[in-house]
PDB file of N, CA and C in Angstrom:
ATOM      1  N   MET A   1      98.113 108.655  82.022  1.00  0.00           N
ATOM      2  CA  MET A   1      98.489 108.449  83.409  1.00  0.00           C
ATOM      3  C   MET A   1      98.320 106.965  83.724  1.00  0.00           C
ATOM      4  N   SER A   2      99.324 106.383  84.335  1.00  0.00           N
ATOM      5  CA  SER A   2      99.240 104.968  84.690  1.00  0.00           C
ATOM      6  C   SER A   2      99.488 104.806  86.179  1.00  0.00           C
ATOM      7  N   MET A   3      98.441 104.424  86.892  1.00  0.00           N
ATOM      8  CA  MET A   3      98.584 104.187  88.327  1.00  0.00           C
ATOM      9  C   MET A   3      98.455 102.695  88.581  1.00  0.00           C
ATOM     10  N   ARG A   4      99.432 102.163  89.289  1.00  0.00           N
ATOM     11  CA  ARG A   4      99.444 100.736  89.539  1.00  0.00           C
ATOM     12  C   ARG A   4     100.092 100.497  90.886  1.00  0.00           C
ATOM     13  N   VAL A   5      99.450  99.702  91.693  1.00  0.00           N
ATOM     14  CA  VAL A   5     100.018  99.297  92.973  1.00  0.00           C
ATOM     15  C   VAL A   5     100.117  97.785  92.939  1.00  0.00           C
ATOM     16  N   GLN A   6     101.330  97.282  93.062  1.00  0.00           N
ATOM     17  CA  GLN A   6     101.499  95.832  92.985  1.00  0.00           C
ATOM     18  C   GLN A   6     101.100  95.125  94.270  1.00  0.00           C
ATOM     19  N   TYR A   7     101.473  95.682  95.395  1.00  0.00           N
ATOM     20  CA  TYR A   7     101.162  95.017  96.657  1.00  0.00           C
ATOM     21  C   TYR A   7     100.866  96.092  97.683  1.00  0.00           C
ATOM     22  N   ALA A   8      99.616  96.206  98.055  1.00  0.00           N
ATOM     23  CA  ALA A   8      99.180  97.319  98.894  1.00  0.00           C
ATOM     24  C   ALA A   8      99.391  97.079 100.382  1.00  0.00           C
ATOM     25  N   HIS A   9      99.723  95.872 100.780  1.00  0.00           N
ATOM     26  CA  HIS A   9      99.871  95.561 102.198  1.00  0.00           C
ATOM     27  C   HIS A   9     101.340  95.495 102.576  1.00  0.00           C
ATOM     28  N   ARG A  10     101.614  95.598 103.850  1.00  0.00           N
ATOM     29  CA  ARG A  10     102.984  95.530 104.331  1.00  0.00           C
ATOM     30  C   ARG A  10     103.587  94.178 103.962  1.00  0.00           C
ATOM     31  N   PRO A  11     104.744  94.168 103.300  1.00  0.00           N
ATOM     32  CA  PRO A  11     105.368  92.899 102.927  1.00  0.00           C
ATOM     33  C   PRO A  11     105.613  92.021 104.149  1.00  0.00           C
ATOM     34  N   GLY A  12     105.265  90.774 104.022  1.00  0.00           N
ATOM     35  CA  GLY A  12     105.508  89.828 105.096  1.00  0.00           C
ATOM     36  C   GLY A  12     104.480  89.840 106.208  1.00  0.00           C
ATOM     37  N   ALA A  13     103.445  90.681 106.077  1.00  0.00           N
ATOM     38  CA  ALA A  13     102.454  90.793 107.147  1.00  0.00           C
ATOM     39  C   ALA A  13     101.696  89.490 107.359  1.00  0.00           C
ATOM     40  N   ASN A  14     101.554  88.715 106.314  1.00  0.00           N
ATOM     41  CA  ASN A  14     100.800  87.474 106.439  1.00  0.00           C
ATOM     42  C   ASN A  14     101.698  86.254 106.618  1.00  0.00           C
ATOM     43  N   MET A  15     102.987  86.465 106.832  1.00  0.00           N
ATOM     44  CA  MET A  15     103.904  85.346 107.004  1.00  0.00           C
ATOM     45  C   MET A  15     103.821  84.822 108.430  1.00  0.00           C
ATOM     46  N   SER A  16     103.802  83.544 108.557  1.00  0.00           N
ATOM     47  CA  SER A  16     103.701  82.899 109.862  1.00  0.00           C
ATOM     48  C   SER A  16     105.064  82.873 110.549  1.00  0.00           C
ATOM     49  N   ARG A  17     105.074  83.007 111.867  1.00  0.00           N
ATOM     50  CA  ARG A  17     106.318  82.914 112.631  1.00  0.00           C
ATOM     51  C   ARG A  17     106.708  81.450 112.832  1.00  0.00           C
ATOM     52  N   SER A  18     105.871  80.521 112.385  1.00  0.00           N
ATOM     53  CA  SER A  18     106.162  79.112 112.605  1.00  0.00           C
ATOM     54  C   SER A  18     106.964  78.505 111.458  1.00  0.00           C
ATOM     55  N   THR A  19     107.553  79.336 110.602  1.00  0.00           N
ATOM     56  CA  THR A  19     108.371  78.793 109.524  1.00  0.00           C
ATOM     57  C   THR A  19     109.600  78.124 110.126  1.00  0.00           C
ATOM     58  N   ALA A  20     110.125  77.164 109.397  1.00  0.00           N
ATOM     59  CA  ALA A  20     111.263  76.391 109.894  1.00  0.00           C
ATOM     60  C   ALA A  20     112.473  77.295 110.102  1.00  0.00           C
ATOM     61  N   ARG A  21     113.092  77.146 111.238  1.00  0.00           N
ATOM     62  CA  ARG A  21     114.307  77.910 111.530  1.00  0.00           C
ATOM     63  C   ARG A  21     115.495  77.065 111.101  1.00  0.00           C
ATOM     64  N   ARG A  22     116.502  77.720 110.572  1.00  0.00           N
ATOM     65  CA  ARG A  22     117.679  77.006 110.086  1.00  0.00           C
ATOM     66  C   ARG A  22     118.929  77.601 110.710  1.00  0.00           C
ATOM     67  N   PRO A  23     119.896  76.776 110.993  1.00  0.00           N
ATOM     68  CA  PRO A  23     121.146  77.304 111.549  1.00  0.00           C
ATOM     69  C   PRO A  23     121.909  78.099 110.492  1.00  0.00           C
ATOM     70  N   ALA A  24     122.635  79.116 110.948  1.00  0.00           N
ATOM     71  CA  ALA A  24     123.456  79.926 110.045  1.00  0.00           C
ATOM     72  C   ALA A  24     124.729  80.320 110.789  1.00  0.00           C
ATOM     73  N   ASN A  25     125.808  80.369 110.074  1.00  0.00           N
ATOM     74  CA  ASN A  25     127.071  80.811 110.658  1.00  0.00           C
ATOM     75  C   ASN A  25     127.247  82.292 110.363  1.00  0.00           C
ATOM     76  N   LEU A  26     127.459  83.074 111.410  1.00  0.00           N
ATOM     77  CA  LEU A  26     127.646  84.514 111.266  1.00  0.00           C
ATOM     78  C   LEU A  26     128.966  84.910 111.896  1.00  0.00           C
ATOM     79  N   THR A  27     129.592  85.907 111.331  1.00  0.00           N
ATOM     80  CA  THR A  27     130.780  86.483 111.931  1.00  0.00           C
ATOM     81  C   THR A  27     130.380  87.836 112.491  1.00  0.00           C
ATOM     82  N   LEU A  28     130.545  87.998 113.804  1.00  0.00           N
ATOM     83  CA  LEU A  28     130.124  89.219 114.481  1.00  0.00           C
ATOM     84  C   LEU A  28     131.300  89.852 115.205  1.00  0.00           C
ATOM     85  N   ASP A  29     131.203  91.140 115.436  1.00  0.00           N
ATOM     86  CA  ASP A  29     132.196  91.866 116.216  1.00  0.00           C
ATOM     87  C   ASP A  29     132.242  91.260 117.620  1.00  0.00           C
ATOM     88  N   GLY A  30     133.420  90.880 118.078  1.00  0.00           N
ATOM     89  CA  GLY A  30     133.569  90.201 119.363  1.00  0.00           C
ATOM     90  C   GLY A  30     133.073  91.018 120.544  1.00  0.00           C
ATOM     91  N   ASP A  31     133.405  92.307 120.566  1.00  0.00           N
ATOM     92  CA  ASP A  31     132.958  93.164 121.675  1.00  0.00           C
ATOM     93  C   ASP A  31     131.438  93.297 121.677  1.00  0.00           C
ATOM     94  N   LEU A  32     130.862  93.433 120.496  1.00  0.00           N
ATOM     95  CA  LEU A  32     129.408  93.550 120.380  1.00  0.00           C
ATOM     96  C   LEU A  32     128.727  92.282 120.884  1.00  0.00           C
ATOM     97  N   LEU A  33     129.272  91.133 120.511  1.00  0.00           N
ATOM     98  CA  LEU A  33     128.718  89.856 120.948  1.00  0.00           C
ATOM     99  C   LEU A  33     128.851  89.689 122.464  1.00  0.00           C
ATOM    100  N   ALA A  34     129.998  90.055 123.009  1.00  0.00           N
ATOM    101  CA  ALA A  34     130.206  89.947 124.459  1.00  0.00           C
ATOM    102  C   ALA A  34     129.236  90.851 125.213  1.00  0.00           C
ATOM    103  N   GLN A  35     129.049  92.062 124.717  1.00  0.00           N
ATOM    104  CA  GLN A  35     128.117  92.988 125.364  1.00  0.00           C
ATOM    105  C   GLN A  35     126.695  92.431 125.321  1.00  0.00           C
ATOM    106  N   ALA A  36     126.296  91.871 124.176  1.00  0.00           N
ATOM    107  CA  ALA A  36     124.956  91.290 124.054  1.00  0.00           C
ATOM    108  C   ALA A  36     124.782  90.138 125.041  1.00  0.00           C
ATOM    109  N   ARG A  37     125.797  89.317 125.182  1.00  0.00           N
ATOM    110  CA  ARG A  37     125.709  88.194 126.125  1.00  0.00           C
ATOM    111  C   ARG A  37     125.641  88.690 127.563  1.00  0.00           C
ATOM    112  N   ASP A  38     126.430  89.726 127.879  1.00  0.00           N
ATOM    113  CA  ASP A  38     126.382  90.312 129.232  1.00  0.00           C
ATOM    114  C   ASP A  38     124.993  90.857 129.536  1.00  0.00           C
ATOM    115  N   LEU A  39     124.335  91.390 128.523  1.00  0.00           N
ATOM    116  CA  LEU A  39     122.992  91.956 128.687  1.00  0.00           C
ATOM    117  C   LEU A  39     121.900  90.896 128.565  1.00  0.00           C
ATOM    118  N   LYS A  40     122.332  89.648 128.389  1.00  0.00           N
ATOM    119  CA  LYS A  40     121.411  88.514 128.265  1.00  0.00           C
ATOM    120  C   LYS A  40     120.443  88.676 127.089  1.00  0.00           C
ATOM    121  N   ILE A  41     120.977  89.197 125.991  1.00  0.00           N
ATOM    122  CA  ILE A  41     120.196  89.352 124.760  1.00  0.00           C
ATOM    123  C   ILE A  41     120.258  88.043 123.990  1.00  0.00           C
ATOM    124  N   ASN A  42     119.128  87.595 123.497  1.00  0.00           N
ATOM    125  CA  ASN A  42     119.076  86.413 122.644  1.00  0.00           C
ATOM    126  C   ASN A  42     119.652  86.825 121.287  1.00  0.00           C
ATOM    127  N   VAL A  43     120.904  86.467 121.054  1.00  0.00           N
ATOM    128  CA  VAL A  43     121.628  86.917 119.866  1.00  0.00           C
ATOM    129  C   VAL A  43     120.974  86.399 118.590  1.00  0.00           C
ATOM    130  N   SER A  44     120.524  85.162 118.597  1.00  0.00           N
ATOM    131  CA  SER A  44     119.863  84.608 117.411  1.00  0.00           C
ATOM    132  C   SER A  44     118.608  85.397 117.073  1.00  0.00           C
ATOM    133  N   ARG A  45     117.800  85.682 118.085  1.00  0.00           N
ATOM    134  CA  ARG A  45     116.552  86.424 117.866  1.00  0.00           C
ATOM    135  C   ARG A  45     116.854  87.857 117.414  1.00  0.00           C
ATOM    136  N   ALA A  46     117.857  88.481 118.032  1.00  0.00           N
ATOM    137  CA  ALA A  46     118.224  89.847 117.659  1.00  0.00           C
ATOM    138  C   ALA A  46     118.719  89.896 116.215  1.00  0.00           C
ATOM    139  N   ALA A  47     119.519  88.903 115.820  1.00  0.00           N
ATOM    140  CA  ALA A  47     120.001  88.853 114.438  1.00  0.00           C
ATOM    141  C   ALA A  47     118.835  88.651 113.478  1.00  0.00           C
ATOM    142  N   GLU A  48     117.924  87.759 113.841  1.00  0.00           N
ATOM    143  CA  GLU A  48     116.751  87.493 113.006  1.00  0.00           C
ATOM    144  C   GLU A  48     115.906  88.756 112.835  1.00  0.00           C
ATOM    145  N   GLU A  49     115.690  89.480 113.930  1.00  0.00           N
ATOM    146  CA  GLU A  49     114.895  90.710 113.857  1.00  0.00           C
ATOM    147  C   GLU A  49     115.599  91.772 113.020  1.00  0.00           C
ATOM    148  N   GLY A  50     116.916  91.860 113.153  1.00  0.00           N
ATOM    149  CA  GLY A  50     117.681  92.817 112.350  1.00  0.00           C
ATOM    150  C   GLY A  50     117.621  92.487 110.868  1.00  0.00           C
ATOM    151  N   ILE A  51     117.718  91.211 110.537  1.00  0.00           N
ATOM    152  CA  ILE A  51     117.623  90.787 109.136  1.00  0.00           C
ATOM    153  C   ILE A  51     116.227  91.054 108.604  1.00  0.00           C
ATOM    154  N   ALA A  52     115.206  90.797 109.424  1.00  0.00           N
ATOM    155  CA  ALA A  52     113.824  91.068 109.002  1.00  0.00           C
ATOM    156  C   ALA A  52     113.629  92.559 108.726  1.00  0.00           C
ATOM    157  N   ARG A  53     114.189  93.424 109.597  1.00  0.00           N
ATOM    158  CA  ARG A  53     114.093  94.879 109.374  1.00  0.00           C
ATOM    159  C   ARG A  53     114.800  95.276 108.084  1.00  0.00           C
ATOM    160  N   ALA A  54     115.982  94.712 107.855  1.00  0.00           N
ATOM    161  CA  ALA A  54     116.731  95.015 106.630  1.00  0.00           C
ATOM    162  C   ALA A  54     115.955  94.550 105.401  1.00  0.00           C
ATOM    163  N   ASN A  55     115.327  93.369 105.485  1.00  0.00           N
ATOM    164  CA  ASN A  55     114.514  92.870 104.374  1.00  0.00           C
ATOM    165  C   ASN A  55     113.354  93.811 104.080  1.00  0.00           C
ATOM    166  N   ARG A  56     112.642  94.237 105.141  1.00  0.00           N
ATOM    167  CA  ARG A  56     111.507  95.158 104.956  1.00  0.00           C
ATOM    168  C   ARG A  56     111.961  96.473 104.338  1.00  0.00           C
ATOM    169  N   ALA A  57     113.075  97.006 104.834  1.00  0.00           N
ATOM    170  CA  ALA A  57     113.578  98.282 104.313  1.00  0.00           C
ATOM    171  C   ALA A  57     113.924  98.154 102.833  1.00  0.00           C
ATOM    172  N   GLU A  58     114.539  97.059 102.452  1.00  0.00           N
ATOM    173  CA  GLU A  58     114.900  96.864 101.042  1.00  0.00           C
ATOM    174  C   GLU A  58     113.659  96.660 100.184  1.00  0.00           C
ATOM    175  N   GLN A  59     112.675  95.897 100.690  1.00  0.00           N
ATOM    176  CA  GLN A  59     111.428  95.718  99.944  1.00  0.00           C
ATOM    177  C   GLN A  59     110.717  97.050  99.756  1.00  0.00           C
ATOM    178  N   GLU A  60     110.702  97.893 100.785  1.00  0.00           N
ATOM    179  CA  GLU A  60     110.073  99.209 100.674  1.00  0.00           C
ATOM    180  C   GLU A  60     110.811 100.082  99.667  1.00  0.00           C
ATOM    181  N   ARG A  61     112.148 100.042  99.703  1.00  0.00           N
ATOM    182  CA  ARG A  61     112.949 100.820  98.755  1.00  0.00           C
ATOM    183  C   ARG A  61     112.665 100.384  97.321  1.00  0.00           C
ATOM    184  N   LEU A  62     112.630  99.082  97.102  1.00  0.00           N
ATOM    185  CA  LEU A  62     112.345  98.564  95.760  1.00  0.00           C
ATOM    186  C   LEU A  62     110.930  98.917  95.322  1.00  0.00           C
ATOM    187  N   TRP A  63     109.959  98.873  96.254  1.00  0.00           N
ATOM    188  CA  TRP A  63     108.583  99.235  95.937  1.00  0.00           C
ATOM    189  C   TRP A  63     108.519 100.698  95.509  1.00  0.00           C
ATOM    190  N   GLN A  64     109.229 101.564  96.238  1.00  0.00           N
ATOM    191  CA  GLN A  64     109.251 102.991  95.894  1.00  0.00           C
ATOM    192  C   GLN A  64     109.804 103.197  94.485  1.00  0.00           C
ATOM    193  N   ILE A  65     110.872 102.501  94.153  1.00  0.00           N
ATOM    194  CA  ILE A  65     111.460 102.620  92.816  1.00  0.00           C
ATOM    195  C   ILE A  65     110.481 102.107  91.768  1.00  0.00           C
ATOM    196  N   GLU A  66     109.899 100.941  92.026  1.00  0.00           N
ATOM    197  CA  GLU A  66     108.992 100.310  91.076  1.00  0.00           C
ATOM    198  C   GLU A  66     107.729 101.138  90.838  1.00  0.00           C
ATOM    199  N   ASN A  67     107.274 101.849  91.855  1.00  0.00           N
ATOM    200  CA  ASN A  67     106.028 102.604  91.757  1.00  0.00           C
ATOM    201  C   ASN A  67     106.236 104.112  91.674  1.00  0.00           C
ATOM    202  N   ALA A  68     107.466 104.545  91.439  1.00  0.00           N
ATOM    203  CA  ALA A  68     107.773 105.978  91.399  1.00  0.00           C
ATOM    204  C   ALA A  68     106.946 106.704  90.347  1.00  0.00           C
ATOM    205  N   GLU A  69     106.766 106.101  89.189  1.00  0.00           N
ATOM    206  CA  GLU A  69     106.006 106.747  88.118  1.00  0.00           C
ATOM    207  C   GLU A  69     104.544 106.936  88.526  1.00  0.00           C
ATOM    208  N   ALA A  70     103.942 105.917  89.098  1.00  0.00           N
ATOM    209  CA  ALA A  70     102.540 106.017  89.521  1.00  0.00           C
ATOM    210  C   ALA A  70     102.387 107.047  90.639  1.00  0.00           C
ATOM    211  N   ILE A  71     103.339 107.093  91.553  1.00  0.00           N
ATOM    212  CA  ILE A  71     103.289 108.074  92.642  1.00  0.00           C
ATOM    213  C   ILE A  71     103.420 109.485  92.081  1.00  0.00           C
ATOM    214  N   ALA A  72     104.350 109.673  91.139  1.00  0.00           N
ATOM    215  CA  ALA A  72     104.524 110.988  90.510  1.00  0.00           C
ATOM    216  C   ALA A  72     103.266 111.391  89.758  1.00  0.00           C
ATOM    217  N   ASP A  73     102.640 110.437  89.052  1.00  0.00           N
ATOM    218  CA  ASP A  73     101.394 110.724  88.328  1.00  0.00           C
ATOM    219  C   ASP A  73     100.284 111.130  89.292  1.00  0.00           C
ATOM    220  N   ALA A  74     100.165 110.432  90.402  1.00  0.00           N
ATOM    221  CA  ALA A  74      99.134 110.760  91.389  1.00  0.00           C
ATOM    222  C   ALA A  74      99.380 112.141  91.990  1.00  0.00           C
ATOM    223  N   ASN A  75     100.626 112.450  92.292  1.00  0.00           N
ATOM    224  CA  ASN A  75     100.958 113.770  92.833  1.00  0.00           C
ATOM    225  C   ASN A  75     100.695 114.868  91.813  1.00  0.00           C
ATOM    226  N   ALA A  76     101.007 114.613  90.546  1.00  0.00           N
ATOM    227  CA  ALA A  76     100.746 115.599  89.490  1.00  0.00           C
ATOM    228  C   ALA A  76      99.245 115.821  89.336  1.00  0.00           C
ATOM    229  N   PHE A  77      98.463 114.757  89.437  1.00  0.00           N
ATOM    230  CA  PHE A  77      97.005 114.864  89.351  1.00  0.00           C
ATOM    231  C   PHE A  77      96.476 115.771  90.457  1.00  0.00           C
ATOM    232  N   VAL A  78      96.948 115.558  91.680  1.00  0.00           N
ATOM    233  CA  VAL A  78      96.502 116.371  92.816  1.00  0.00           C
ATOM    234  C   VAL A  78      96.976 117.813  92.651  1.00  0.00           C
ATOM    235  N   ASP A  79      98.205 117.999  92.184  1.00  0.00           N
ATOM    236  CA  ASP A  79      98.712 119.355  91.967  1.00  0.00           C
ATOM    237  C   ASP A  79      97.871 120.102  90.938  1.00  0.00           C
ATOM    238  N   LYS A  80      97.453 119.399  89.910  1.00  0.00           N
ATOM    239  CA  LYS A  80      96.696 120.026  88.823  1.00  0.00           C
ATOM    240  C   LYS A  80      95.227 120.232  89.190  1.00  0.00           C
ATOM    241  N   ARG A  81      94.598 119.243  89.802  1.00  0.00           N
ATOM    242  CA  ARG A  81      93.155 119.272  90.038  1.00  0.00           C
ATOM    243  C   ARG A  81      92.759 119.452  91.499  1.00  0.00           C
ATOM    244  N   GLY A  82      93.695 119.314  92.395  1.00  0.00           N
ATOM    245  CA  GLY A  82      93.386 119.395  93.819  1.00  0.00           C
ATOM    246  C   GLY A  82      92.876 118.061  94.335  1.00  0.00           C
ATOM    247  N   LEU A  83      92.659 118.006  95.631  1.00  0.00           N
ATOM    248  CA  LEU A  83      92.166 116.777  96.251  1.00  0.00           C
ATOM    249  C   LEU A  83      90.691 116.575  95.940  1.00  0.00           C
ATOM    250  N   THR A  84      90.324 115.343  95.702  1.00  0.00           N
ATOM    251  CA  THR A  84      88.927 115.011  95.478  1.00  0.00           C
ATOM    252  C   THR A  84      88.133 115.356  96.731  1.00  0.00           C
ATOM    253  N   LEU A  85      87.015 116.006  96.552  1.00  0.00           N
ATOM    254  CA  LEU A  85      86.122 116.402  97.648  1.00  0.00           C
ATOM    255  C   LEU A  85      86.773 117.359  98.653  1.00  0.00           C
ATOM    256  N   ALA A  86      87.806 118.087  98.247  1.00  0.00           N
ATOM    257  CA  ALA A  86      88.493 118.998  99.165  1.00  0.00           C
ATOM    258  C   ALA A  86      87.553 120.072  99.700  1.00  0.00           C
ATOM    259  N   LYS A  87      86.601 120.509  98.878  1.00  0.00           N
ATOM    260  CA  LYS A  87      85.704 121.576  99.346  1.00  0.00           C
ATOM    261  C   LYS A  87      84.724 121.089 100.406  1.00  0.00           C
ATOM    262  N   ARG A  88      84.582 119.792 100.584  1.00  0.00           N
ATOM    263  CA  ARG A  88      83.684 119.247 101.606  1.00  0.00           C
ATOM    264  C   ARG A  88      84.396 118.983 102.934  1.00  0.00           C
ATOM    265  N   ARG A  89      85.686 119.254 102.975  1.00  0.00           N
ATOM    266  CA  ARG A  89      86.448 119.007 104.201  1.00  0.00           C
ATOM    267  C   ARG A  89      85.949 119.877 105.333  1.00  0.00           C
ATOM    268  N   GLN A  90      85.954 119.327 106.515  1.00  0.00           N
ATOM    269  CA  GLN A  90      85.527 120.035 107.713  1.00  0.00           C
ATOM    270  C   GLN A  90      86.717 120.664 108.448  1.00  0.00           C
ATOM    271  N   PHE A  91      87.914 120.438 107.962  1.00  0.00           N
ATOM    272  CA  PHE A  91      89.098 120.957 108.651  1.00  0.00           C
ATOM    273  C   PHE A  91      89.957 121.760 107.723  1.00  0.00           C
TER     274      PHE A  91
END
């Protein structure tokens, strides 16, 4: 059985918000952009937050793939032997 966790904390949790911001050219749906402007949404910030969410989702997906064997091994261990200290549970 090989259990390995490469990074146990949420990716990017220790990243500072003071990193340098850079301009980027994006092509967006015109109606969507107009609606965002009518609603006074900061389009740059909304795009940045959406990209950050997409990055986190992809990092989580890759982590799941990378650690699938260890997760399966841990689940098989529990299936075979039960939870450690399960008989001491109060619930």
